[in-house]
Each structure stands twice: as C-alpha cells, then as structure tokens.
Amino acid sequence: MIDITLQNFESDLIQASVPQPVLLDIWAPWCGPCRTLGPILEKLEVAYAGRFKLAKLNSDDQPEIAGQLSQAFGVRSIPFCVLFDKGQPVDGFVGALPEAQIRAFLDRHVPTAEAMEADAETQAAEELAAGGDTDAALARLQQAVAIDPANDIARFDYVKLLLERGEVAKARQAFEPVAGKAAADAKLTALGHWLDACDAAPKARSADLLAAAIAANRRDFEARFELAQTHFAAGRFTQAMDELLEIIMRDKAWNDELARKTYVAVLELMNKPPAKAAGPEAKGALEVTGKAAAAPPEAPSAPPPGGRRRRAGEAGSAAAA
C-alpha cells in the first residue's frame, strides 16, 4: 500500500499502473464508511498476492487531486475507488461495498494467479532464449501455456520458438486451440501465415526453377510467392519480404491481397509482442455504476498562490453506486 500525493501521483499511480493494476482508495479520516472499507481493501491486497497494488489518497491532505478526480468523474461522495490499469482509469466504485462485491469487481480486471505465474514463466523463457538456451526456454513456454491456456503472449512465443526450431508439427498442434480467433489478433494471424508457409515449402519447386521462372516473366507472381514461402518457412524473413514486395508493387490486389497480408505477417513476427493487458482494454474513460463515463484526469497541479483549498466534503454528497 502507498499513499498518493502531488509529488508521487505520476510515478506511483499512473506509471505504476502500467505493469500492475493499481486501486486508488480516496478516503478521509472523518468518513465512517471509509474506515469500514479501508481494512477490507488492505486485506484483499494481501490476499490477491501481487495481482494489484493498493494506493490511498487522503482527500483532506490532498484536496487538489481529490477535487480533480471528483470533478472529472462526477462523484462527490467518499469512499471512492478508482482502478488504474496501463496508465488509465478503467473502472471504479463508490461506497463501502461488501468484500464479496469488491472481489467480484477486482476479478473483472486484475490478472489471475495462473496468468501471473504464466507471465513469470514467459519472462524467464525470454531471458533463456536471449542467452541461447532454447531448450530451457521452450520448456518454460510449454509450462506457461499449460498453466494459463488463455495467455496468448505465452502461446505466441511458444509456437514461434517451435517454428524457429523447425518443429512444425508441434507448432501446429500448439496453435490449433487459438486458430479460430486468429483473424482478430494480428500476432496469431502472423503465426497462421508462417504455418501455411511451412506447409507449402516442401511442395515448392527448387530455387533454381523458381529463379528461372521469375527471370522469364517478372510478373510470374505464383513463382515469386512460392519463392517467398520457402524463405518464410526457413525463417529468412528479409528475403521473403523482398519477394513479397515485388508482387505488392506490381499488383497489390493479387490473389485477394495475399502477398500484402503475408508481408504484414512477416513484419508482425519481427516485432516483439506487446505486454499482456491485465483486464479489459483501457478505454480512457472511467465506468462507474450509475455515473456517466468521463475522460481521464490530467495530472493534478498545485493551487494558485493564495488560492483556497477545497475540502472533499464541501461539494455535497452523491448517491452511492
């Protein structure tokens, strides 16, 4: 648990919520419901074992922050809790809710214990692979997928490493559970194209025959694509992109834009996958039950010299969610 002030608002709330969700509890010493809610939140932070971090903001000591958050989200009563994830407020609640309801709220947003364990395995695998120990990295990734089958980043890394090692059959088997949703995920789509290339490469003509066909007709896109597939399957991404680009420059729409789609897939495979979100995608707006969505607040600023600090309770009370 950490207390939020003007000095650490950016570092300990906004930036801290990028790798790990942060639940901000806005409270005051004179608030009875706040005294009821506080111990429950502290208990849950321990029980959730790192799945989220608890931050507290005393609205009497930090009226600038409390006032801006209250104004931004149309909430006048406390306790008021806001969950920050990936640097954005994503959800919140008002009032001293029972523990069961708070658990249900948290479970909608914070990573599961399995997801955290799988993420740790994936991180360890990345370090092992960077050090050249692909056998150990593969074992870690296989474990990550077994622990959390829904962890698409771990699965992506697992299938990708299998393909890099030429273990196509195992890669196909590991990819099968997510094949149905590949169209909605660029990284998974890229794996699908790579697997297609691996299936096509053994049937392709020899490099000499393909080169001769292209020399005879530079618009022989079938031959160019066939050559690109052999490069792609072998992990020669740059050579594959060169052939695909030749097709795209001459006829972008060829074969339902297959060359362009494959080119994009190669680019995806060359990029590091993004960090896994801990919950629903941040929308840049807070969704509090019974409240209209609002844009995220700007970083609080100190009041002007001589300016009056407004107490959090002066604006009146609003109905709790």
C-alpha atoms as a PDB file:
ATOM      1  CA  MET A   1       0.000   0.000   0.000  1.00  0.00           C
ATOM      2  CA  ILE A   2       1.207   3.505  -0.771  1.00  0.00           C
ATOM      3  CA  ASP A   3      -0.096   6.991  -0.020  1.00  0.00           C
ATOM      4  CA  ILE A   4      -0.574   9.200  -3.078  1.00  0.00           C
ATOM      5  CA  THR A   5       0.495  12.845  -3.018  1.00  0.00           C
ATOM      6  CA  LEU A   6       1.096  15.558  -5.591  1.00  0.00           C
ATOM      7  CA  GLN A   7       4.749  14.552  -5.635  1.00  0.00           C
ATOM      8  CA  ASN A   8       4.252  10.855  -6.453  1.00  0.00           C
ATOM      9  CA  PHE A   9       0.939  10.967  -8.331  1.00  0.00           C
ATOM     10  CA  GLU A  10       2.586  10.387 -11.708  1.00  0.00           C
ATOM     11  CA  SER A  11       5.208   7.835 -10.652  1.00  0.00           C
ATOM     12  CA  ASP A  12       3.347   5.786  -8.042  1.00  0.00           C
ATOM     13  CA  LEU A  13      -0.125   5.828  -9.582  1.00  0.00           C
ATOM     14  CA  ILE A  14      -0.066   6.475 -13.322  1.00  0.00           C
ATOM     15  CA  GLN A  15       3.278   4.874 -14.206  1.00  0.00           C
ATOM     16  CA  ALA A  16       2.968   2.177 -11.542  1.00  0.00           C
ATOM     17  CA  SER A  17      -0.301   1.003 -13.122  1.00  0.00           C
ATOM     18  CA  VAL A  18       1.397   0.125 -16.416  1.00  0.00           C
ATOM     19  CA  PRO A  19       2.880  -3.203 -15.265  1.00  0.00           C
ATOM     20  CA  GLN A  20       0.336  -3.824 -12.482  1.00  0.00           C
ATOM     21  CA  PRO A  21      -3.219  -2.579 -11.799  1.00  0.00           C
ATOM     22  CA  VAL A  22      -3.451  -0.010  -9.013  1.00  0.00           C
ATOM     23  CA  LEU A  23      -6.622   0.518  -6.985  1.00  0.00           C
ATOM     24  CA  LEU A  24      -6.826   4.066  -5.617  1.00  0.00           C
ATOM     25  CA  ASP A  25      -8.908   4.474  -2.456  1.00  0.00           C
ATOM     26  CA  ILE A  26      -9.983   8.083  -1.897  1.00  0.00           C
ATOM     27  CA  TRP A  27     -10.885   8.499   1.781  1.00  0.00           C
ATOM     28  CA  ALA A  28     -10.876  10.897   4.739  1.00  0.00           C
ATOM     29  CA  PRO A  29     -10.300  10.373   8.494  1.00  0.00           C
ATOM     30  CA  TRP A  30     -13.762  11.724   9.403  1.00  0.00           C
ATOM     31  CA  CYS A  31     -15.551   9.362   6.966  1.00  0.00           C
ATOM     32  CA  GLY A  32     -17.156   6.387   8.737  1.00  0.00           C
ATOM     33  CA  PRO A  33     -17.664   4.234   5.604  1.00  0.00           C
ATOM     34  CA  CYS A  34     -14.008   4.911   4.686  1.00  0.00           C
ATOM     35  CA  ARG A  35     -12.894   3.391   7.982  1.00  0.00           C
ATOM     36  CA  THR A  36     -15.014   0.332   7.194  1.00  0.00           C
ATOM     37  CA  LEU A  37     -13.721  -0.047   3.634  1.00  0.00           C
ATOM     38  CA  GLY A  38     -10.022   0.561   4.307  1.00  0.00           C
ATOM     39  CA  PRO A  39      -9.249  -2.647   6.222  1.00  0.00           C
ATOM     40  CA  ILE A  40     -11.150  -4.716   3.646  1.00  0.00           C
ATOM     41  CA  LEU A  41      -9.036  -3.303   0.815  1.00  0.00           C
ATOM     42  CA  GLU A  42      -5.821  -3.863   2.767  1.00  0.00           C
ATOM     43  CA  LYS A  43      -6.862  -7.465   3.457  1.00  0.00           C
ATOM     44  CA  LEU A  44      -7.621  -8.029  -0.232  1.00  0.00           C
ATOM     45  CA  GLU A  45      -4.282  -6.578  -1.345  1.00  0.00           C
ATOM     46  CA  VAL A  46      -2.579  -9.256   0.756  1.00  0.00           C
ATOM     47  CA  ALA A  47      -4.992 -11.992  -0.334  1.00  0.00           C
ATOM     48  CA  TYR A  48      -4.507 -11.206  -4.028  1.00  0.00           C
ATOM     49  CA  ALA A  49      -0.742 -11.587  -3.597  1.00  0.00           C
ATOM     50  CA  GLY A  50       0.541  -9.029  -6.076  1.00  0.00           C
ATOM     51  CA  ARG A  51      -2.339  -9.164  -8.552  1.00  0.00           C
ATOM     52  CA  PHE A  52      -2.991  -5.489  -7.805  1.00  0.00           C
ATOM     53  CA  LYS A  53      -1.454  -2.713  -5.734  1.00  0.00           C
ATOM     54  CA  LEU A  54      -3.452  -0.622  -3.275  1.00  0.00           C
ATOM     55  CA  ALA A  55      -2.917   3.127  -3.147  1.00  0.00           C
ATOM     56  CA  LYS A  56      -4.684   5.501  -0.774  1.00  0.00           C
ATOM     57  CA  LEU A  57      -5.396   9.196  -1.095  1.00  0.00           C
ATOM     58  CA  ASN A  58      -6.424  11.269   1.915  1.00  0.00           C
ATOM     59  CA  SER A  59      -8.829  13.831   0.450  1.00  0.00           C
ATOM     60  CA  ASP A  60      -8.170  16.232   3.340  1.00  0.00           C
ATOM     61  CA  ASP A  61      -4.403  16.174   2.836  1.00  0.00           C
ATOM     62  CA  GLN A  62      -4.569  16.107  -0.971  1.00  0.00           C
ATOM     63  CA  PRO A  63      -7.641  18.184  -1.911  1.00  0.00           C
ATOM     64  CA  GLU A  64      -6.205  19.108  -5.317  1.00  0.00           C
ATOM     65  CA  ILE A  65      -6.125  15.502  -6.501  1.00  0.00           C
ATOM     66  CA  ALA A  66      -9.389  14.533  -4.799  1.00  0.00           C
ATOM     67  CA  GLY A  67     -11.145  17.563  -6.238  1.00  0.00           C
ATOM     68  CA  GLN A  68      -9.966  16.944  -9.793  1.00  0.00           C
ATOM     69  CA  LEU A  69     -10.879  13.258  -9.683  1.00  0.00           C
ATOM     70  CA  SER A  70     -14.290  14.021  -8.206  1.00  0.00           C
ATOM     71  CA  GLN A  71     -14.963  16.690 -10.817  1.00  0.00           C
ATOM     72  CA  ALA A  72     -13.719  14.546 -13.697  1.00  0.00           C
ATOM     73  CA  PHE A  73     -15.893  11.579 -12.796  1.00  0.00           C
ATOM     74  CA  GLY A  74     -18.936  13.305 -11.329  1.00  0.00           C
ATOM     75  CA  VAL A  75     -18.509  11.614  -7.953  1.00  0.00           C
ATOM     76  CA  ARG A  76     -18.907  13.718  -4.824  1.00  0.00           C
ATOM     77  CA  SER A  77     -19.057  11.164  -2.042  1.00  0.00           C
ATOM     78  CA  ILE A  78     -16.357   9.070  -0.430  1.00  0.00           C
ATOM     79  CA  PRO A  79     -15.073   6.432  -0.197  1.00  0.00           C
ATOM     80  CA  PHE A  80     -14.496   6.457  -3.928  1.00  0.00           C
ATOM     81  CA  CYS A  81     -12.229   3.830  -5.514  1.00  0.00           C
ATOM     82  CA  VAL A  82     -10.712   4.050  -8.988  1.00  0.00           C
ATOM     83  CA  LEU A  83      -8.838   1.209 -10.678  1.00  0.00           C
ATOM     84  CA  PHE A  84      -5.950   2.336 -12.879  1.00  0.00           C
ATOM     85  CA  ASP A  85      -4.524  -0.031 -15.475  1.00  0.00           C
ATOM     86  CA  LYS A  86      -1.917   0.651 -18.160  1.00  0.00           C
ATOM     87  CA  GLY A  87      -1.820   4.290 -17.056  1.00  0.00           C
ATOM     88  CA  GLN A  88      -5.560   4.839 -17.421  1.00  0.00           C
ATOM     89  CA  PRO A  89      -8.597   4.733 -15.097  1.00  0.00           C
ATOM     90  CA  VAL A  90     -10.688   1.775 -16.264  1.00  0.00           C
ATOM     91  CA  ASP A  91     -13.390   1.289 -13.629  1.00  0.00           C
ATOM     92  CA  GLY A  92     -14.429   2.289 -10.150  1.00  0.00           C
ATOM     93  CA  PHE A  93     -16.985   2.091  -7.392  1.00  0.00           C
ATOM     94  CA  VAL A  94     -18.444   4.359  -4.721  1.00  0.00           C
ATOM     95  CA  GLY A  95     -19.193   3.433  -1.123  1.00  0.00           C
ATOM     96  CA  ALA A  96     -18.140   0.780   1.362  1.00  0.00           C
ATOM     97  CA  LEU A  97     -19.116  -2.289  -0.641  1.00  0.00           C
ATOM     98  CA  PRO A  98     -19.107  -5.747   0.959  1.00  0.00           C
ATOM     99  CA  GLU A  99     -15.952  -7.816   0.467  1.00  0.00           C
ATOM    100  CA  ALA A 100     -17.676 -10.223  -1.937  1.00  0.00           C
ATOM    101  CA  GLN A 101     -18.669  -7.373  -4.258  1.00  0.00           C
ATOM    102  CA  ILE A 102     -15.179  -5.902  -4.162  1.00  0.00           C
ATOM    103  CA  ARG A 103     -13.708  -9.310  -5.034  1.00  0.00           C
ATOM    104  CA  ALA A 104     -16.105  -9.553  -7.979  1.00  0.00           C
ATOM    105  CA  PHE A 105     -15.017  -6.062  -9.075  1.00  0.00           C
ATOM    106  CA  LEU A 106     -11.326  -6.945  -8.840  1.00  0.00           C
ATOM    107  CA  ASP A 107     -11.765 -10.280 -10.602  1.00  0.00           C
ATOM    108  CA  ARG A 108     -13.149  -8.472 -13.645  1.00  0.00           C
ATOM    109  CA  HIS A 109      -9.920  -6.543 -14.063  1.00  0.00           C
ATOM    110  CA  VAL A 110      -6.840  -7.947 -12.330  1.00  0.00           C
ATOM    111  CA  PRO A 111      -4.842 -10.893 -13.680  1.00  0.00           C
ATOM    112  CA  THR A 112      -5.477 -14.340 -12.283  1.00  0.00           C
ATOM    113  CA  ALA A 113      -2.837 -16.136 -10.234  1.00  0.00           C
ATOM    114  CA  GLU A 114      -2.393 -18.511 -13.174  1.00  0.00           C
ATOM    115  CA  ALA A 115      -1.834 -15.619 -15.549  1.00  0.00           C
ATOM    116  CA  MET A 116       0.800 -14.128 -13.281  1.00  0.00           C
ATOM    117  CA  GLU A 117       2.615 -17.447 -12.997  1.00  0.00           C
ATOM    118  CA  ALA A 118       2.473 -17.908 -16.761  1.00  0.00           C
ATOM    119  CA  ASP A 119       3.808 -14.385 -17.281  1.00  0.00           C
ATOM    120  CA  ALA A 120       6.735 -15.168 -14.979  1.00  0.00           C
ATOM    121  CA  GLU A 121       7.488 -18.337 -16.973  1.00  0.00           C
ATOM    122  CA  THR A 122       7.286 -16.374 -20.226  1.00  0.00           C
ATOM    123  CA  GLN A 123       9.668 -13.718 -18.932  1.00  0.00           C
ATOM    124  CA  ALA A 124      12.113 -16.393 -17.801  1.00  0.00           C
ATOM    125  CA  ALA A 125      11.852 -18.033 -21.229  1.00  0.00           C
ATOM    126  CA  GLU A 126      12.692 -14.747 -22.964  1.00  0.00           C
ATOM    127  CA  GLU A 127      15.838 -14.413 -20.861  1.00  0.00           C
ATOM    128  CA  LEU A 128      16.855 -18.008 -21.533  1.00  0.00           C
ATOM    129  CA  ALA A 129      16.277 -17.629 -25.273  1.00  0.00           C
ATOM    130  CA  ALA A 130      18.284 -14.394 -25.324  1.00  0.00           C
ATOM    131  CA  GLY A 131      21.110 -16.325 -23.692  1.00  0.00           C
ATOM    132  CA  GLY A 132      20.925 -19.050 -26.337  1.00  0.00           C
ATOM    133  CA  ASP A 133      19.347 -21.787 -24.195  1.00  0.00           C
ATOM    134  CA  THR A 134      16.362 -22.504 -26.439  1.00  0.00           C
ATOM    135  CA  ASP A 135      15.742 -25.934 -24.914  1.00  0.00           C
ATOM    136  CA  ALA A 136      15.143 -24.469 -21.473  1.00  0.00           C
ATOM    137  CA  ALA A 137      13.188 -21.564 -22.979  1.00  0.00           C
ATOM    138  CA  LEU A 138      10.909 -23.952 -24.816  1.00  0.00           C
ATOM    139  CA  ALA A 139      10.259 -25.931 -21.633  1.00  0.00           C
ATOM    140  CA  ARG A 140       9.347 -22.720 -19.771  1.00  0.00           C
ATOM    141  CA  LEU A 141       6.974 -21.636 -22.519  1.00  0.00           C
ATOM    142  CA  GLN A 142       5.317 -25.033 -22.645  1.00  0.00           C
ATOM    143  CA  GLN A 143       4.791 -24.765 -18.896  1.00  0.00           C
ATOM    144  CA  ALA A 144       3.364 -21.241 -19.250  1.00  0.00           C
ATOM    145  CA  VAL A 145       0.806 -22.390 -21.803  1.00  0.00           C
ATOM    146  CA  ALA A 146      -0.138 -25.364 -19.623  1.00  0.00           C
ATOM    147  CA  ILE A 147      -0.648 -23.102 -16.598  1.00  0.00           C
ATOM    148  CA  ASP A 148      -2.668 -20.475 -18.477  1.00  0.00           C
ATOM    149  CA  PRO A 149      -4.017 -21.681 -21.832  1.00  0.00           C
ATOM    150  CA  ALA A 150      -5.626 -18.278 -22.402  1.00  0.00           C
ATOM    151  CA  ASN A 151      -2.263 -16.492 -22.276  1.00  0.00           C
ATOM    152  CA  ASP A 152      -1.864 -15.662 -25.955  1.00  0.00           C
ATOM    153  CA  ILE A 153       1.515 -13.994 -25.492  1.00  0.00           C
ATOM    154  CA  ALA A 154       2.964 -17.161 -23.973  1.00  0.00           C
ATOM    155  CA  ARG A 155       1.349 -19.249 -26.703  1.00  0.00           C
ATOM    156  CA  PHE A 156       2.660 -16.916 -29.408  1.00  0.00           C
ATOM    157  CA  ASP A 157       6.201 -17.186 -28.054  1.00  0.00           C
ATOM    158  CA  TYR A 158       5.861 -20.965 -27.726  1.00  0.00           C
ATOM    159  CA  VAL A 159       4.634 -21.533 -31.285  1.00  0.00           C
ATOM    160  CA  LYS A 160       7.162 -19.052 -32.683  1.00  0.00           C
ATOM    161  CA  LEU A 161      10.082 -20.781 -30.968  1.00  0.00           C
ATOM    162  CA  LEU A 162       8.874 -24.187 -32.175  1.00  0.00           C
ATOM    163  CA  LEU A 163       8.795 -22.878 -35.742  1.00  0.00           C
ATOM    164  CA  GLU A 164      12.221 -21.322 -35.380  1.00  0.00           C
ATOM    165  CA  ARG A 165      13.480 -24.768 -34.364  1.00  0.00           C
ATOM    166  CA  GLY A 166      11.715 -26.419 -37.302  1.00  0.00           C
ATOM    167  CA  GLU A 167       9.254 -28.351 -35.118  1.00  0.00           C
ATOM    168  CA  VAL A 168       6.295 -27.650 -37.389  1.00  0.00           C
ATOM    169  CA  ALA A 169       4.018 -30.486 -36.262  1.00  0.00           C
ATOM    170  CA  LYS A 170       4.290 -29.460 -32.608  1.00  0.00           C
ATOM    171  CA  ALA A 171       3.795 -25.829 -33.560  1.00  0.00           C
ATOM    172  CA  ARG A 172       0.643 -26.688 -35.487  1.00  0.00           C
ATOM    173  CA  GLN A 173      -0.701 -28.635 -32.507  1.00  0.00           C
ATOM    174  CA  ALA A 174       0.048 -25.773 -30.095  1.00  0.00           C
ATOM    175  CA  PHE A 175      -1.544 -23.247 -32.467  1.00  0.00           C
ATOM    176  CA  GLU A 176      -4.758 -25.210 -33.013  1.00  0.00           C
ATOM    177  CA  PRO A 177      -6.582 -24.016 -29.833  1.00  0.00           C
ATOM    178  CA  VAL A 178      -6.330 -20.372 -30.940  1.00  0.00           C
ATOM    179  CA  ALA A 179      -6.675 -20.841 -34.701  1.00  0.00           C
ATOM    180  CA  GLY A 180     -10.340 -19.847 -34.564  1.00  0.00           C
ATOM    181  CA  LYS A 181      -9.606 -16.399 -33.181  1.00  0.00           C
ATOM    182  CA  ALA A 182      -6.528 -15.695 -35.262  1.00  0.00           C
ATOM    183  CA  ALA A 183      -8.439 -13.350 -37.582  1.00  0.00           C
ATOM    184  CA  ALA A 184      -8.958 -10.919 -34.693  1.00  0.00           C
ATOM    185  CA  ASP A 185      -5.331 -10.959 -33.497  1.00  0.00           C
ATOM    186  CA  ALA A 186      -2.505  -9.770 -35.723  1.00  0.00           C
ATOM    187  CA  LYS A 187       0.144 -11.842 -33.911  1.00  0.00           C
ATOM    188  CA  LEU A 188      -1.866 -15.054 -34.155  1.00  0.00           C
ATOM    189  CA  THR A 189      -2.683 -14.274 -37.787  1.00  0.00           C
ATOM    190  CA  ALA A 190       1.042 -13.983 -38.457  1.00  0.00           C
ATOM    191  CA  LEU A 191       1.652 -17.407 -36.932  1.00  0.00           C
ATOM    192  CA  GLY A 192      -1.053 -18.826 -39.173  1.00  0.00           C
ATOM    193  CA  HIS A 193       0.689 -17.442 -42.260  1.00  0.00           C
ATOM    194  CA  TRP A 194       4.015 -18.859 -41.097  1.00  0.00           C
ATOM    195  CA  LEU A 195       2.466 -22.275 -40.602  1.00  0.00           C
ATOM    196  CA  ASP A 196       0.915 -22.061 -44.080  1.00  0.00           C
ATOM    197  CA  ALA A 197       4.363 -21.288 -45.485  1.00  0.00           C
ATOM    198  CA  CYS A 198       5.819 -24.279 -43.649  1.00  0.00           C
ATOM    199  CA  ASP A 199       3.147 -26.497 -45.175  1.00  0.00           C
ATOM    200  CA  ALA A 200       3.729 -25.092 -48.668  1.00  0.00           C
ATOM    201  CA  ALA A 201       7.539 -25.076 -48.689  1.00  0.00           C
ATOM    202  CA  PRO A 202       8.083 -28.844 -49.047  1.00  0.00           C
ATOM    203  CA  LYS A 203       5.911 -28.845 -52.181  1.00  0.00           C
ATOM    204  CA  ALA A 204       7.639 -25.856 -53.772  1.00  0.00           C
ATOM    205  CA  ARG A 205       9.821 -26.027 -56.858  1.00  0.00           C
ATOM    206  CA  SER A 206      13.576 -25.771 -56.419  1.00  0.00           C
ATOM    207  CA  ALA A 207      15.165 -22.360 -56.000  1.00  0.00           C
ATOM    208  CA  ASP A 208      16.780 -22.650 -59.461  1.00  0.00           C
ATOM    209  CA  LEU A 209      13.458 -23.442 -61.170  1.00  0.00           C
ATOM    210  CA  LEU A 210      11.719 -20.580 -59.394  1.00  0.00           C
ATOM    211  CA  ALA A 211      14.530 -18.155 -60.252  1.00  0.00           C
ATOM    212  CA  ALA A 212      14.325 -19.220 -63.906  1.00  0.00           C
ATOM    213  CA  ALA A 213      10.544 -18.738 -63.954  1.00  0.00           C
ATOM    214  CA  ILE A 214      10.859 -15.237 -62.489  1.00  0.00           C
ATOM    215  CA  ALA A 215      13.674 -14.305 -64.893  1.00  0.00           C
ATOM    216  CA  ALA A 216      11.481 -15.352 -67.808  1.00  0.00           C
ATOM    217  CA  ASN A 217       8.487 -13.388 -66.519  1.00  0.00           C
ATOM    218  CA  ARG A 218       8.916 -10.851 -63.723  1.00  0.00           C
ATOM    219  CA  ARG A 219       5.138 -10.840 -63.294  1.00  0.00           C
ATOM    220  CA  ASP A 220       5.031 -14.543 -62.529  1.00  0.00           C
ATOM    221  CA  PHE A 221       3.541 -13.877 -59.134  1.00  0.00           C
ATOM    222  CA  GLU A 222       2.847 -17.526 -58.444  1.00  0.00           C
ATOM    223  CA  ALA A 223       6.573 -18.257 -58.705  1.00  0.00           C
ATOM    224  CA  ARG A 224       7.504 -15.206 -56.641  1.00  0.00           C
ATOM    225  CA  PHE A 225       5.048 -16.112 -53.923  1.00  0.00           C
ATOM    226  CA  GLU A 226       6.250 -19.717 -53.964  1.00  0.00           C
ATOM    227  CA  LEU A 227       9.823 -18.485 -53.503  1.00  0.00           C
ATOM    228  CA  ALA A 228       8.712 -16.139 -50.732  1.00  0.00           C
ATOM    229  CA  GLN A 229       7.027 -19.028 -48.954  1.00  0.00           C
ATOM    230  CA  THR A 230      10.235 -21.074 -48.976  1.00  0.00           C
ATOM    231  CA  HIS A 231      12.143 -18.154 -47.476  1.00  0.00           C
ATOM    232  CA  PHE A 232       9.381 -17.536 -44.930  1.00  0.00           C
ATOM    233  CA  ALA A 233       9.259 -21.185 -43.855  1.00  0.00           C
ATOM    234  CA  ALA A 234      13.014 -21.208 -43.317  1.00  0.00           C
ATOM    235  CA  GLY A 235      12.903 -18.034 -41.228  1.00  0.00           C
ATOM    236  CA  ARG A 236      14.611 -15.929 -43.901  1.00  0.00           C
ATOM    237  CA  PHE A 237      12.246 -13.063 -43.287  1.00  0.00           C
ATOM    238  CA  THR A 238      14.117 -10.355 -45.187  1.00  0.00           C
ATOM    239  CA  GLN A 239      14.356 -12.433 -48.362  1.00  0.00           C
ATOM    240  CA  ALA A 240      10.682 -13.343 -48.076  1.00  0.00           C
ATOM    241  CA  MET A 241       9.719  -9.696 -47.730  1.00  0.00           C
ATOM    242  CA  ASP A 242      11.789  -8.758 -50.777  1.00  0.00           C
ATOM    243  CA  GLU A 243       9.843 -11.193 -52.976  1.00  0.00           C
ATOM    244  CA  LEU A 244       6.501 -10.223 -51.494  1.00  0.00           C
ATOM    245  CA  LEU A 245       7.243  -6.543 -52.020  1.00  0.00           C
ATOM    246  CA  GLU A 246       7.943  -7.188 -55.708  1.00  0.00           C
ATOM    247  CA  ILE A 247       4.425  -8.594 -56.022  1.00  0.00           C
ATOM    248  CA  ILE A 248       2.826  -5.800 -53.994  1.00  0.00           C
ATOM    249  CA  MET A 249       4.476  -3.051 -56.071  1.00  0.00           C
ATOM    250  CA  ARG A 250       3.206  -4.597 -59.301  1.00  0.00           C
ATOM    251  CA  ASP A 251      -0.225  -5.819 -58.190  1.00  0.00           C
ATOM    252  CA  LYS A 252      -1.252  -5.159 -54.594  1.00  0.00           C
ATOM    253  CA  ALA A 253      -4.614  -6.885 -55.079  1.00  0.00           C
ATOM    254  CA  TRP A 254      -3.113 -10.108 -56.457  1.00  0.00           C
ATOM    255  CA  ASN A 255      -4.795 -13.240 -55.097  1.00  0.00           C
ATOM    256  CA  ASP A 256      -7.025 -11.300 -52.676  1.00  0.00           C
ATOM    257  CA  GLU A 257      -4.013  -9.305 -51.423  1.00  0.00           C
ATOM    258  CA  LEU A 258      -2.295 -12.477 -50.256  1.00  0.00           C
ATOM    259  CA  ALA A 259       1.191 -11.047 -50.794  1.00  0.00           C
ATOM    260  CA  ARG A 260       0.351  -7.928 -48.795  1.00  0.00           C
ATOM    261  CA  LYS A 261      -1.214  -9.963 -45.973  1.00  0.00           C
ATOM    262  CA  THR A 262       1.796 -12.248 -45.835  1.00  0.00           C
ATOM    263  CA  TYR A 263       4.156  -9.259 -45.853  1.00  0.00           C
ATOM    264  CA  VAL A 264       2.298  -7.789 -42.859  1.00  0.00           C
ATOM    265  CA  ALA A 265       2.522 -11.178 -41.129  1.00  0.00           C
ATOM    266  CA  VAL A 266       6.294 -11.227 -41.515  1.00  0.00           C
ATOM    267  CA  LEU A 267       6.512  -7.718 -40.045  1.00  0.00           C
ATOM    268  CA  GLU A 268       4.430  -8.837 -37.056  1.00  0.00           C
ATOM    269  CA  LEU A 269       6.745 -11.759 -36.430  1.00  0.00           C
ATOM    270  CA  MET A 270       9.757  -9.481 -36.471  1.00  0.00           C
ATOM    271  CA  ASN A 271       8.233  -7.223 -33.795  1.00  0.00           C
ATOM    272  CA  LYS A 272       8.165  -8.011 -30.085  1.00  0.00           C
ATOM    273  CA  PRO A 273       4.617  -8.723 -28.861  1.00  0.00           C
ATOM    274  CA  PRO A 274       3.064  -6.111 -26.563  1.00  0.00           C
ATOM    275  CA  ALA A 275       2.715  -6.638 -22.861  1.00  0.00           C
ATOM    276  CA  LYS A 276      -0.359  -8.517 -21.811  1.00  0.00           C
ATOM    277  CA  ALA A 277      -3.221  -6.445 -20.536  1.00  0.00           C
ATOM    278  CA  ALA A 278      -4.373  -7.289 -17.093  1.00  0.00           C
ATOM    279  CA  GLY A 279      -8.031  -6.845 -17.860  1.00  0.00           C
ATOM    280  CA  PRO A 280     -10.371  -5.281 -20.392  1.00  0.00           C
ATOM    281  CA  GLU A 281      -8.666  -2.850 -22.727  1.00  0.00           C
ATOM    282  CA  ALA A 282      -8.308   0.591 -21.211  1.00  0.00           C
ATOM    283  CA  LYS A 283     -10.802   2.898 -22.866  1.00  0.00           C
ATOM    284  CA  GLY A 284      -9.512   6.182 -21.477  1.00  0.00           C
ATOM    285  CA  ALA A 285     -12.743   6.595 -19.530  1.00  0.00           C
ATOM    286  CA  LEU A 286     -13.947   5.587 -16.114  1.00  0.00           C
ATOM    287  CA  GLU A 287     -17.038   3.441 -15.902  1.00  0.00           C
ATOM    288  CA  VAL A 288     -18.658   3.845 -12.502  1.00  0.00           C
ATOM    289  CA  THR A 289     -22.042   2.267 -11.922  1.00  0.00           C
ATOM    290  CA  GLY A 290     -24.683   4.936 -12.238  1.00  0.00           C
ATOM    291  CA  LYS A 291     -22.185   7.529 -13.481  1.00  0.00           C
ATOM    292  CA  ALA A 292     -21.511   8.867 -16.950  1.00  0.00           C
ATOM    293  CA  ALA A 293     -18.142   7.979 -18.434  1.00  0.00           C
ATOM    294  CA  ALA A 294     -15.541  10.693 -18.184  1.00  0.00           C
ATOM    295  CA  ALA A 295     -12.167  11.362 -19.737  1.00  0.00           C
ATOM    296  CA  PRO A 296      -9.170  10.535 -17.541  1.00  0.00           C
ATOM    297  CA  PRO A 297      -7.990  13.433 -15.406  1.00  0.00           C
ATOM    298  CA  GLU A 298      -4.903  15.456 -16.107  1.00  0.00           C
ATOM    299  CA  ALA A 299      -2.087  15.281 -13.605  1.00  0.00           C
ATOM    300  CA  PRO A 300      -3.121  17.439 -10.640  1.00  0.00           C
ATOM    301  CA  SER A 301      -1.427  20.765 -10.206  1.00  0.00           C
ATOM    302  CA  ALA A 302      -0.900  22.822  -7.097  1.00  0.00           C
ATOM    303  CA  PRO A 303      -3.447  25.591  -6.386  1.00  0.00           C
ATOM    304  CA  PRO A 304      -2.510  29.177  -7.272  1.00  0.00           C
ATOM    305  CA  PRO A 305      -0.820  31.241  -4.551  1.00  0.00           C
ATOM    306  CA  GLY A 306      -3.406  32.358  -2.063  1.00  0.00           C
ATOM    307  CA  GLY A 307      -5.967  30.048  -3.608  1.00  0.00           C
ATOM    308  CA  ARG A 308      -8.417  28.353  -1.290  1.00  0.00           C
ATOM    309  CA  ARG A 309      -8.130  24.600  -0.912  1.00  0.00           C
ATOM    310  CA  ARG A 310     -11.496  22.958  -1.194  1.00  0.00           C
ATOM    311  CA  ARG A 311     -12.298  20.126   1.178  1.00  0.00           C
ATOM    312  CA  ALA A 312     -13.561  16.965  -0.434  1.00  0.00           C
ATOM    313  CA  GLY A 313     -16.787  17.032   1.556  1.00  0.00           C
ATOM    314  CA  GLU A 314     -17.795  20.604   0.651  1.00  0.00           C
ATOM    315  CA  ALA A 315     -19.367  19.764  -2.681  1.00  0.00           C
ATOM    316  CA  GLY A 316     -22.158  17.790  -1.095  1.00  0.00           C
ATOM    317  CA  SER A 317     -22.899  14.108  -1.307  1.00  0.00           C
ATOM    318  CA  ALA A 318     -23.940  11.952  -4.209  1.00  0.00           C
ATOM    319  CA  ALA A 319     -25.827   8.714  -4.117  1.00  0.00           C
ATOM    320  CA  ALA A 320     -23.529   5.758  -3.797  1.00  0.00           C
ATOM    321  CA  ALA A 321     -23.293   3.370  -6.704  1.00  0.00           C
END
